N, C-alpha and C. Protein backbone atom coordinates (compact mmCIF):
# COMPACT_ATOMS: atom_id res chain seq x y z
N MET A 1 84.59 171.16 -47.95
CA MET A 1 83.43 171.10 -48.80
C MET A 1 82.45 172.21 -48.39
N ASP A 2 81.87 172.86 -49.37
CA ASP A 2 80.88 173.90 -49.13
C ASP A 2 79.60 173.25 -48.60
N ASN A 3 79.11 173.74 -47.50
CA ASN A 3 77.92 173.15 -46.88
C ASN A 3 76.69 174.03 -47.02
N THR A 4 76.64 174.84 -48.03
CA THR A 4 75.50 175.74 -48.22
C THR A 4 74.20 174.96 -48.33
N LEU A 5 74.21 173.89 -49.12
CA LEU A 5 72.99 173.11 -49.29
C LEU A 5 72.54 172.52 -47.95
N GLY A 6 73.46 171.98 -47.19
CA GLY A 6 73.12 171.40 -45.88
C GLY A 6 72.50 172.44 -44.95
N LEU A 7 73.07 173.63 -44.96
CA LEU A 7 72.53 174.70 -44.11
C LEU A 7 71.13 175.10 -44.55
N ILE A 8 70.91 175.12 -45.86
CA ILE A 8 69.58 175.45 -46.39
C ILE A 8 68.57 174.38 -45.99
N LEU A 9 68.98 173.11 -46.12
CA LEU A 9 68.08 172.02 -45.75
C LEU A 9 67.71 172.09 -44.27
N ARG A 10 68.71 172.31 -43.42
CA ARG A 10 68.45 172.39 -41.98
C ARG A 10 67.54 173.59 -41.66
N ALA A 11 67.83 174.73 -42.25
CA ALA A 11 67.03 175.93 -41.98
C ALA A 11 65.57 175.71 -42.40
N ARG A 12 65.37 175.11 -43.57
CA ARG A 12 64.00 174.89 -44.04
C ARG A 12 63.29 173.87 -43.14
N ARG A 13 64.00 172.83 -42.74
CA ARG A 13 63.39 171.84 -41.85
C ARG A 13 62.94 172.50 -40.55
N LYS A 14 63.80 173.33 -39.99
CA LYS A 14 63.46 174.01 -38.73
C LYS A 14 62.35 175.02 -38.92
N ASP A 15 62.36 175.74 -40.06
CA ASP A 15 61.28 176.68 -40.36
C ASP A 15 59.93 175.98 -40.43
N LYS A 16 59.95 174.75 -40.92
CA LYS A 16 58.72 173.96 -41.03
C LYS A 16 58.33 173.33 -39.70
N GLY A 17 59.19 173.50 -38.69
CA GLY A 17 58.91 172.93 -37.37
C GLY A 17 59.10 171.42 -37.32
N LEU A 18 59.95 170.90 -38.18
CA LEU A 18 60.16 169.46 -38.26
C LEU A 18 61.42 169.05 -37.52
N LYS A 19 61.34 167.95 -36.81
CA LYS A 19 62.53 167.33 -36.22
C LYS A 19 63.09 166.38 -37.28
N LEU A 20 64.32 165.95 -37.07
CA LEU A 20 64.92 165.00 -38.02
C LEU A 20 64.04 163.77 -38.20
N VAL A 21 63.49 163.28 -37.10
CA VAL A 21 62.64 162.08 -37.17
C VAL A 21 61.38 162.35 -37.99
N ASP A 22 60.82 163.55 -37.86
CA ASP A 22 59.63 163.91 -38.63
C ASP A 22 59.95 163.91 -40.13
N LEU A 23 61.06 164.56 -40.49
CA LEU A 23 61.45 164.62 -41.90
C LEU A 23 61.78 163.23 -42.42
N SER A 24 62.35 162.41 -41.57
CA SER A 24 62.65 161.04 -41.94
C SER A 24 61.37 160.29 -42.32
N GLU A 25 60.35 160.42 -41.50
CA GLU A 25 59.08 159.76 -41.78
C GLU A 25 58.43 160.27 -43.05
N LEU A 26 58.50 161.58 -43.27
CA LEU A 26 57.88 162.18 -44.44
C LEU A 26 58.62 161.87 -45.74
N SER A 27 59.93 161.74 -45.64
CA SER A 27 60.75 161.55 -46.85
C SER A 27 61.11 160.10 -47.14
N GLY A 28 61.05 159.26 -46.11
CA GLY A 28 61.48 157.88 -46.29
C GLY A 28 62.98 157.69 -46.18
N LEU A 29 63.69 158.75 -45.79
CA LEU A 29 65.14 158.68 -45.59
C LEU A 29 65.44 158.50 -44.12
N HIS A 30 66.52 157.82 -43.81
CA HIS A 30 66.89 157.62 -42.41
C HIS A 30 67.32 158.94 -41.80
N HIS A 31 66.94 159.17 -40.55
CA HIS A 31 67.23 160.45 -39.89
C HIS A 31 68.73 160.71 -39.79
N SER A 32 69.53 159.67 -39.63
CA SER A 32 70.98 159.90 -39.55
C SER A 32 71.55 160.33 -40.91
N HIS A 33 70.95 159.84 -41.98
CA HIS A 33 71.39 160.25 -43.32
C HIS A 33 71.07 161.73 -43.54
N ILE A 34 69.89 162.14 -43.14
CA ILE A 34 69.49 163.55 -43.27
C ILE A 34 70.43 164.43 -42.44
N ALA A 35 70.76 163.98 -41.24
CA ALA A 35 71.67 164.75 -40.37
C ALA A 35 73.04 164.91 -41.04
N ARG A 36 73.53 163.86 -41.67
CA ARG A 36 74.83 163.95 -42.37
C ARG A 36 74.76 164.90 -43.55
N LEU A 37 73.61 164.93 -44.23
CA LEU A 37 73.43 165.88 -45.34
C LEU A 37 73.47 167.31 -44.81
N GLU A 38 72.76 167.54 -43.72
CA GLU A 38 72.70 168.88 -43.14
C GLU A 38 74.06 169.35 -42.63
N ARG A 39 74.87 168.45 -42.15
CA ARG A 39 76.21 168.81 -41.66
C ARG A 39 77.23 168.90 -42.80
N GLY A 40 76.84 168.52 -44.00
CA GLY A 40 77.75 168.57 -45.13
C GLY A 40 78.69 167.39 -45.20
N GLU A 41 78.41 166.34 -44.45
CA GLU A 41 79.26 165.15 -44.46
C GLU A 41 78.94 164.25 -45.65
N ARG A 42 77.75 164.39 -46.20
CA ARG A 42 77.33 163.63 -47.37
C ARG A 42 76.73 164.61 -48.37
N PHE A 43 76.77 164.23 -49.65
CA PHE A 43 76.15 165.04 -50.69
C PHE A 43 74.99 164.23 -51.27
N PRO A 44 73.82 164.85 -51.42
CA PRO A 44 72.64 164.10 -51.85
C PRO A 44 72.68 163.71 -53.32
N THR A 45 72.03 162.59 -53.60
CA THR A 45 71.80 162.19 -54.98
C THR A 45 70.52 162.87 -55.46
N GLY A 46 70.26 162.77 -56.72
CA GLY A 46 69.00 163.30 -57.25
C GLY A 46 67.80 162.63 -56.61
N ARG A 47 67.90 161.32 -56.37
CA ARG A 47 66.80 160.58 -55.74
C ARG A 47 66.54 161.11 -54.33
N THR A 48 67.61 161.39 -53.60
CA THR A 48 67.47 161.93 -52.24
C THR A 48 66.80 163.30 -52.27
N LEU A 49 67.22 164.14 -53.21
CA LEU A 49 66.61 165.47 -53.33
C LEU A 49 65.12 165.36 -53.64
N LYS A 50 64.78 164.41 -54.49
CA LYS A 50 63.38 164.22 -54.85
C LYS A 50 62.56 163.85 -53.61
N LYS A 51 63.12 163.03 -52.74
CA LYS A 51 62.42 162.62 -51.53
C LYS A 51 62.28 163.76 -50.52
N LEU A 52 63.24 164.67 -50.53
CA LEU A 52 63.22 165.78 -49.57
C LEU A 52 62.39 166.97 -50.05
N ALA A 53 62.22 167.10 -51.34
CA ALA A 53 61.59 168.30 -51.92
C ALA A 53 60.22 168.60 -51.31
N GLU A 54 59.30 167.70 -51.44
CA GLU A 54 57.92 167.97 -51.00
C GLU A 54 57.82 168.23 -49.50
N PRO A 55 58.40 167.36 -48.65
CA PRO A 55 58.27 167.63 -47.21
C PRO A 55 58.88 168.97 -46.77
N LEU A 56 59.90 169.43 -47.51
CA LEU A 56 60.54 170.69 -47.15
C LEU A 56 59.93 171.89 -47.89
N GLY A 57 58.99 171.64 -48.77
CA GLY A 57 58.33 172.73 -49.48
C GLY A 57 59.14 173.30 -50.63
N PHE A 58 60.01 172.50 -51.19
CA PHE A 58 60.78 172.90 -52.37
C PHE A 58 60.22 172.18 -53.59
N SER A 59 60.44 172.73 -54.76
CA SER A 59 60.21 171.95 -55.97
C SER A 59 61.48 171.13 -56.20
N GLU A 60 61.36 170.06 -56.94
CA GLU A 60 62.54 169.25 -57.26
C GLU A 60 63.55 170.10 -58.02
N LEU A 61 63.05 170.96 -58.89
CA LEU A 61 63.93 171.83 -59.68
C LEU A 61 64.73 172.76 -58.77
N GLU A 62 64.07 173.35 -57.78
CA GLU A 62 64.77 174.25 -56.85
C GLU A 62 65.92 173.53 -56.14
N LEU A 63 65.64 172.33 -55.63
CA LEU A 63 66.68 171.60 -54.91
C LEU A 63 67.82 171.18 -55.84
N CYS A 64 67.49 170.80 -57.06
CA CYS A 64 68.54 170.43 -58.02
C CYS A 64 69.41 171.64 -58.34
N LYS A 65 68.81 172.81 -58.41
CA LYS A 65 69.59 174.03 -58.63
C LYS A 65 70.47 174.34 -57.43
N LEU A 66 69.91 174.22 -56.22
CA LEU A 66 70.68 174.48 -55.01
C LEU A 66 71.85 173.51 -54.86
N ALA A 67 71.65 172.28 -55.31
CA ALA A 67 72.71 171.27 -55.22
C ALA A 67 73.74 171.42 -56.33
N GLY A 68 73.42 172.23 -57.34
CA GLY A 68 74.36 172.43 -58.44
C GLY A 68 74.21 171.44 -59.58
N PHE A 69 73.15 170.62 -59.54
CA PHE A 69 72.91 169.67 -60.63
C PHE A 69 72.44 170.38 -61.89
N ILE A 70 71.77 171.51 -61.69
CA ILE A 70 71.22 172.30 -62.79
C ILE A 70 71.69 173.73 -62.58
N PRO A 71 72.07 174.43 -63.65
CA PRO A 71 72.47 175.84 -63.48
C PRO A 71 71.34 176.64 -62.83
N ARG A 72 71.72 177.52 -61.93
CA ARG A 72 70.71 178.30 -61.19
C ARG A 72 69.84 179.18 -62.09
N ASP A 73 70.36 179.57 -63.25
CA ASP A 73 69.57 180.43 -64.13
C ASP A 73 68.76 179.62 -65.14
N ALA A 74 68.78 178.29 -65.04
CA ALA A 74 68.01 177.45 -65.96
C ALA A 74 66.52 177.64 -65.71
N ALA A 75 65.79 177.79 -66.78
CA ALA A 75 64.35 177.96 -66.67
C ALA A 75 63.67 176.60 -66.66
N ASP A 76 62.54 176.53 -66.02
CA ASP A 76 61.74 175.30 -66.03
C ASP A 76 60.84 175.39 -67.25
N ASP A 77 61.22 174.70 -68.31
CA ASP A 77 60.48 174.81 -69.56
C ASP A 77 59.38 173.75 -69.69
N ARG A 78 59.11 173.00 -68.61
CA ARG A 78 58.06 171.98 -68.69
C ARG A 78 56.71 172.60 -68.98
N LEU A 79 56.40 173.75 -68.37
CA LEU A 79 55.11 174.40 -68.60
C LEU A 79 55.00 174.86 -70.04
N ASP A 80 56.08 175.41 -70.59
CA ASP A 80 56.05 175.84 -71.99
C ASP A 80 55.83 174.66 -72.92
N ARG A 81 56.51 173.53 -72.64
CA ARG A 81 56.33 172.33 -73.48
C ARG A 81 54.90 171.82 -73.37
N PHE A 82 54.33 171.87 -72.16
CA PHE A 82 52.96 171.42 -71.97
C PHE A 82 51.99 172.32 -72.74
N LYS A 83 52.19 173.62 -72.65
CA LYS A 83 51.32 174.56 -73.38
C LYS A 83 51.38 174.30 -74.88
N LYS A 84 52.58 174.10 -75.42
CA LYS A 84 52.73 173.83 -76.84
C LYS A 84 52.04 172.53 -77.23
N SER A 85 52.16 171.52 -76.38
CA SER A 85 51.53 170.23 -76.64
C SER A 85 50.01 170.36 -76.67
N VAL A 86 49.48 171.07 -75.68
CA VAL A 86 48.03 171.27 -75.61
C VAL A 86 47.55 172.09 -76.81
N LYS A 87 48.29 173.13 -77.15
CA LYS A 87 47.93 173.96 -78.29
C LYS A 87 47.89 173.12 -79.57
N LYS A 88 48.88 172.26 -79.75
CA LYS A 88 48.94 171.40 -80.93
C LYS A 88 47.73 170.48 -80.98
N GLU A 89 47.37 169.89 -79.84
CA GLU A 89 46.22 168.99 -79.77
C GLU A 89 44.93 169.73 -80.09
N VAL A 90 44.78 170.93 -79.58
CA VAL A 90 43.57 171.71 -79.83
C VAL A 90 43.46 172.05 -81.32
N ILE A 91 44.57 172.46 -81.92
CA ILE A 91 44.57 172.79 -83.35
C ILE A 91 44.21 171.57 -84.17
N GLU A 92 44.82 170.41 -83.85
CA GLU A 92 44.51 169.19 -84.59
C GLU A 92 43.04 168.81 -84.45
N THR A 93 42.49 168.97 -83.26
CA THR A 93 41.08 168.66 -83.02
C THR A 93 40.19 169.58 -83.83
N LEU A 94 40.51 170.87 -83.86
CA LEU A 94 39.72 171.82 -84.62
C LEU A 94 39.79 171.54 -86.11
N VAL A 95 40.96 171.18 -86.60
CA VAL A 95 41.11 170.85 -88.02
C VAL A 95 40.27 169.62 -88.36
N ASN A 96 40.36 168.58 -87.52
CA ASN A 96 39.57 167.38 -87.74
C ASN A 96 38.08 167.68 -87.70
N LEU A 97 37.67 168.52 -86.77
CA LEU A 97 36.27 168.91 -86.67
C LEU A 97 35.83 169.67 -87.91
N GLY A 98 36.69 170.58 -88.37
CA GLY A 98 36.38 171.33 -89.61
C GLY A 98 36.23 170.42 -90.80
N GLU A 99 37.08 169.41 -90.90
CA GLU A 99 36.99 168.46 -92.01
C GLU A 99 35.70 167.67 -91.93
N ARG A 100 35.30 167.28 -90.74
CA ARG A 100 34.03 166.55 -90.59
C ARG A 100 32.84 167.42 -90.98
N ILE A 101 32.88 168.67 -90.60
CA ILE A 101 31.80 169.59 -90.94
C ILE A 101 31.73 169.77 -92.46
N ASP A 102 32.90 169.89 -93.10
CA ASP A 102 32.94 170.04 -94.56
C ASP A 102 32.32 168.83 -95.27
N ARG A 103 32.47 167.66 -94.70
CA ARG A 103 31.93 166.44 -95.34
C ARG A 103 30.41 166.34 -95.18
N LEU A 104 29.85 167.09 -94.26
CA LEU A 104 28.38 167.04 -94.04
C LEU A 104 27.61 167.67 -95.14
């Protein structure tokens, strides 16, 4: 089994100056489980990646890409969807405001 993800997790943990026990406390995962992930003996679930992301300084999207759950070239379109949603709300508000002004 390819252990690239495990090596990345271990390297990031060490770069952050964290011991397994420290990461365990921050993530809520047992330290032996994290050790098995780092050695490539276990493969993380999405829930596990979510718990590891913040303490290791990754976004959930980055870890999902590294684990192969999402294609590495996939864009994070959440910001674009949010911008479109906000733009739509602003336009609707302005239209409603214009209609109220017209009735005055």
